[in-house]
Amino acid sequence: MATSISNNITHGASGTLGDVVFRRMHGKIVLCKRPRPSSKPPSNEQLALRGRFRMAQQYAGRAIKTPSLRAVYASKAKKTGRTVYHLALQDASVAPAIFRLITGPRIRIYARDNFRVQAVSIVIVTASGSIWEEGAAVQQANRFEWTYTLKKLPQADCTLHIVATDLPGNTTGRELIIPAAAFINETRHFG
């Protein structure tokens, strides 16, 4: 791989010329051999990744065409010097993460995303499999914290299902068995 520094001929060049590809890497023009397609068939993981990337591209295309979505990404794009398309593409490529849970009469869920967590929902299921309570958590001033206040305290151990959703609709879920006492006194479960 050859690099070009302060060369008037290649200054600002990018793209392909014959079998040579001009790329910009770390502020330098780099000349590489044109990549060739692989002769091996793609693996299942590669096909799955290609499918996810295609869906992210479709979302980013919709985001730049939908005025409300475009406006959401445009404010951050202006601050970071990136395009609306690339911010939306990155957002669609990364699911949110739930990184802390504190239970008590008020359940506190901490979730983050590379752009924004849109919603957090919870479902509390009893040992017999019936739904004890479900609902949407409310985002707090700290943009990572979401809270849900229980309407009635569980009387026995139950399973807590938490789902965080981002703007493109990516979801991440956590499921934990919570003892009944953890809904009376504040208890930190992870994070």
Protein backbone atom coordinates (compact mmCIF):
# COMPACT_ATOMS: atom_id res chain seq x y z
CA MET A 1 0.00 0.00 0.00
CA ALA A 2 1.50 3.30 -1.09
CA THR A 3 0.78 6.69 0.49
CA SER A 4 0.88 10.09 -1.13
CA ILE A 5 1.93 13.17 0.86
CA SER A 6 1.77 16.69 -0.68
CA ASN A 7 1.46 15.43 -4.24
CA ASN A 8 -0.28 17.84 -6.62
CA ILE A 9 -1.37 15.03 -8.93
CA THR A 10 -3.14 12.91 -6.28
CA HIS A 11 -4.23 15.79 -4.00
CA GLY A 12 -7.92 15.27 -3.20
CA ALA A 13 -8.16 12.12 -5.34
CA SER A 14 -10.56 9.37 -4.40
CA GLY A 15 -12.10 6.50 -6.27
CA THR A 16 -10.78 3.94 -8.74
CA LEU A 17 -8.39 4.30 -11.64
CA GLY A 18 -7.84 0.98 -13.40
CA ASP A 19 -6.79 -1.51 -10.72
CA VAL A 20 -5.72 1.22 -8.27
CA VAL A 21 -8.03 2.60 -5.58
CA PHE A 22 -7.39 6.03 -4.04
CA ARG A 23 -8.56 6.23 -0.43
CA ARG A 24 -8.29 8.90 2.23
CA MET A 25 -7.10 7.47 5.56
CA HIS A 26 -6.10 9.62 8.54
CA GLY A 27 -5.65 12.70 6.35
CA LYS A 28 -3.46 10.96 3.77
CA ILE A 29 -4.20 9.67 0.28
CA VAL A 30 -3.57 5.91 0.19
CA LEU A 31 -3.25 3.90 -3.03
CA CYS A 32 -4.38 0.28 -2.83
CA LYS A 33 -5.07 -2.60 -5.15
CA ARG A 34 -8.74 -2.92 -6.14
CA PRO A 35 -10.46 -5.46 -3.88
CA ARG A 36 -11.67 -8.65 -5.55
CA PRO A 37 -14.84 -10.49 -4.59
CA SER A 38 -14.33 -13.62 -2.51
CA SER A 39 -14.71 -16.97 -4.24
CA LYS A 40 -16.10 -18.52 -1.02
CA PRO A 41 -19.84 -18.44 -0.40
CA PRO A 42 -20.85 -16.11 2.46
CA SER A 43 -21.43 -17.67 5.88
CA ASN A 44 -24.78 -17.49 7.68
CA GLU A 45 -23.34 -14.81 9.97
CA GLN A 46 -22.22 -12.73 6.97
CA LEU A 47 -25.66 -13.05 5.37
CA ALA A 48 -27.34 -12.01 8.63
CA LEU A 49 -25.00 -9.00 8.95
CA ARG A 50 -25.72 -7.99 5.34
CA GLY A 51 -29.45 -8.19 6.06
CA ARG A 52 -29.11 -5.98 9.17
CA PHE A 53 -26.99 -3.48 7.22
CA ARG A 54 -29.55 -3.40 4.39
CA MET A 55 -32.30 -2.66 6.94
CA ALA A 56 -30.16 0.11 8.48
CA GLN A 57 -29.64 1.62 5.02
CA GLN A 58 -33.38 1.54 4.35
CA TYR A 59 -34.07 3.26 7.69
CA ALA A 60 -31.45 5.95 6.97
CA GLY A 61 -33.01 6.53 3.55
CA ARG A 62 -36.44 6.97 5.17
CA ALA A 63 -34.96 9.25 7.84
CA ILE A 64 -33.66 11.77 5.30
CA LYS A 65 -36.99 11.73 3.43
CA THR A 66 -39.24 12.04 6.50
CA PRO A 67 -39.23 15.67 7.75
CA SER A 68 -39.83 14.79 11.42
CA LEU A 69 -37.04 12.17 11.53
CA ARG A 70 -34.72 14.38 9.51
CA ALA A 71 -35.21 17.20 12.04
CA VAL A 72 -34.36 14.89 14.97
CA TYR A 73 -31.06 13.79 13.40
CA ALA A 74 -30.24 17.19 11.84
CA SER A 75 -29.66 18.90 15.19
CA LYS A 76 -27.00 16.38 16.20
CA ALA A 77 -25.59 16.22 12.66
CA LYS A 78 -24.94 19.95 12.74
CA LYS A 79 -23.11 19.69 16.09
CA THR A 80 -20.96 16.71 15.07
CA GLY A 81 -20.28 17.65 11.44
CA ARG A 82 -21.79 14.41 10.17
CA THR A 83 -24.65 13.86 7.77
CA VAL A 84 -28.21 13.02 8.75
CA TYR A 85 -27.95 9.84 6.68
CA HIS A 86 -24.85 8.58 8.50
CA LEU A 87 -26.24 9.36 11.96
CA ALA A 88 -29.47 7.52 11.13
CA LEU A 89 -27.49 4.61 9.64
CA GLN A 90 -25.38 4.32 12.79
CA ASP A 91 -28.45 4.62 15.01
CA ALA A 92 -30.23 1.84 13.11
CA SER A 93 -27.13 -0.36 13.40
CA VAL A 94 -26.89 -0.24 17.21
CA ALA A 95 -29.54 -1.45 19.66
CA PRO A 96 -29.96 0.23 23.06
CA ALA A 97 -28.37 -1.25 26.19
CA ILE A 98 -29.93 -1.68 29.63
CA PHE A 99 -27.05 -1.19 32.05
CA ARG A 100 -28.58 -0.82 35.53
CA LEU A 101 -31.72 -1.87 37.40
CA ILE A 102 -32.83 -0.78 40.84
CA THR A 103 -36.12 -2.22 42.15
CA GLY A 104 -38.34 -1.02 44.94
CA PRO A 105 -41.83 0.49 44.92
CA ARG A 106 -40.41 2.63 42.13
CA ILE A 107 -38.44 0.64 39.55
CA ARG A 108 -35.50 2.52 38.04
CA ILE A 109 -34.09 1.32 34.73
CA TYR A 110 -30.97 2.84 33.19
CA ALA A 111 -30.66 2.49 29.43
CA ARG A 112 -28.48 4.12 26.79
CA ASP A 113 -28.19 4.18 23.02
CA ASN A 114 -25.73 5.70 20.57
CA PHE A 115 -28.43 8.26 19.68
CA ARG A 116 -31.51 8.09 21.91
CA VAL A 117 -33.63 5.57 23.82
CA GLN A 118 -37.21 6.15 22.69
CA ALA A 119 -39.12 3.99 25.18
CA VAL A 120 -38.71 1.54 28.06
CA SER A 121 -41.48 -0.87 29.01
CA ILE A 122 -41.82 -3.41 31.79
CA VAL A 123 -43.93 -6.49 32.37
CA ILE A 124 -44.07 -8.23 35.75
CA VAL A 125 -45.10 -11.88 35.50
CA THR A 126 -46.05 -14.07 38.49
CA ALA A 127 -44.69 -17.58 39.03
CA SER A 128 -47.96 -18.97 37.60
CA GLY A 129 -47.34 -17.08 34.35
CA SER A 130 -50.02 -14.42 34.68
CA ILE A 131 -49.22 -10.74 34.19
CA TRP A 132 -49.13 -8.93 37.53
CA GLU A 133 -48.53 -5.49 36.06
CA GLU A 134 -47.23 -3.89 32.87
CA GLY A 135 -46.63 -0.43 31.53
CA ALA A 136 -44.29 2.18 30.10
CA ALA A 137 -41.52 3.70 32.17
CA VAL A 138 -41.13 7.49 32.23
CA GLN A 139 -37.85 9.12 31.21
CA GLN A 140 -36.28 11.32 33.88
CA ALA A 141 -34.20 14.50 33.57
CA ASN A 142 -31.10 12.30 33.56
CA ARG A 143 -31.59 11.00 30.02
CA PHE A 144 -30.41 7.50 30.99
CA GLU A 145 -32.90 6.95 33.83
CA TRP A 146 -36.42 5.65 33.31
CA THR A 147 -38.83 5.01 36.20
CA TYR A 148 -41.95 2.96 36.70
CA THR A 149 -44.00 3.24 39.89
CA LEU A 150 -45.77 0.04 40.89
CA LYS A 151 -49.53 0.25 41.36
CA LYS A 152 -49.46 -2.72 43.76
CA LEU A 153 -46.54 -4.60 45.26
CA PRO A 154 -46.05 -8.25 44.26
CA GLN A 155 -46.63 -10.65 47.14
CA ALA A 156 -44.30 -13.36 45.81
CA ASP A 157 -41.22 -13.72 43.64
CA CYS A 158 -41.88 -12.81 40.03
CA THR A 159 -40.15 -12.30 36.69
CA LEU A 160 -39.44 -8.78 35.49
CA HIS A 161 -39.22 -8.27 31.72
CA ILE A 162 -37.68 -4.98 30.58
CA VAL A 163 -37.53 -3.83 26.95
CA ALA A 164 -35.69 -0.70 25.76
CA THR A 165 -36.47 0.60 22.26
CA ASP A 166 -34.56 3.20 20.25
CA LEU A 167 -35.78 5.55 17.51
CA PRO A 168 -35.34 3.09 14.59
CA GLY A 169 -37.17 0.39 16.57
CA ASN A 170 -34.19 -1.72 17.72
CA THR A 171 -34.99 -3.44 21.00
CA THR A 172 -33.00 -4.91 23.85
CA GLY A 173 -34.59 -6.96 26.58
CA ARG A 174 -33.60 -8.17 30.03
CA GLU A 175 -35.42 -10.75 32.10
CA LEU A 176 -34.77 -11.27 35.81
CA ILE A 177 -36.41 -13.22 38.61
CA ILE A 178 -36.98 -10.71 41.40
CA PRO A 179 -37.78 -11.69 45.00
CA ALA A 180 -40.89 -10.01 46.46
CA ALA A 181 -38.77 -8.27 49.12
CA ALA A 182 -36.83 -6.42 46.39
CA PHE A 183 -40.03 -4.52 45.54
CA ILE A 184 -40.36 -3.27 49.13
CA ASN A 185 -36.76 -2.13 49.73
CA GLU A 186 -34.55 -0.59 47.05
CA THR A 187 -32.33 -3.32 45.59
CA ARG A 188 -29.68 -2.97 42.93
CA HIS A 189 -29.62 -5.96 40.56
CA PHE A 190 -26.88 -5.13 38.08
CA GLY A 191 -24.80 -2.17 36.96
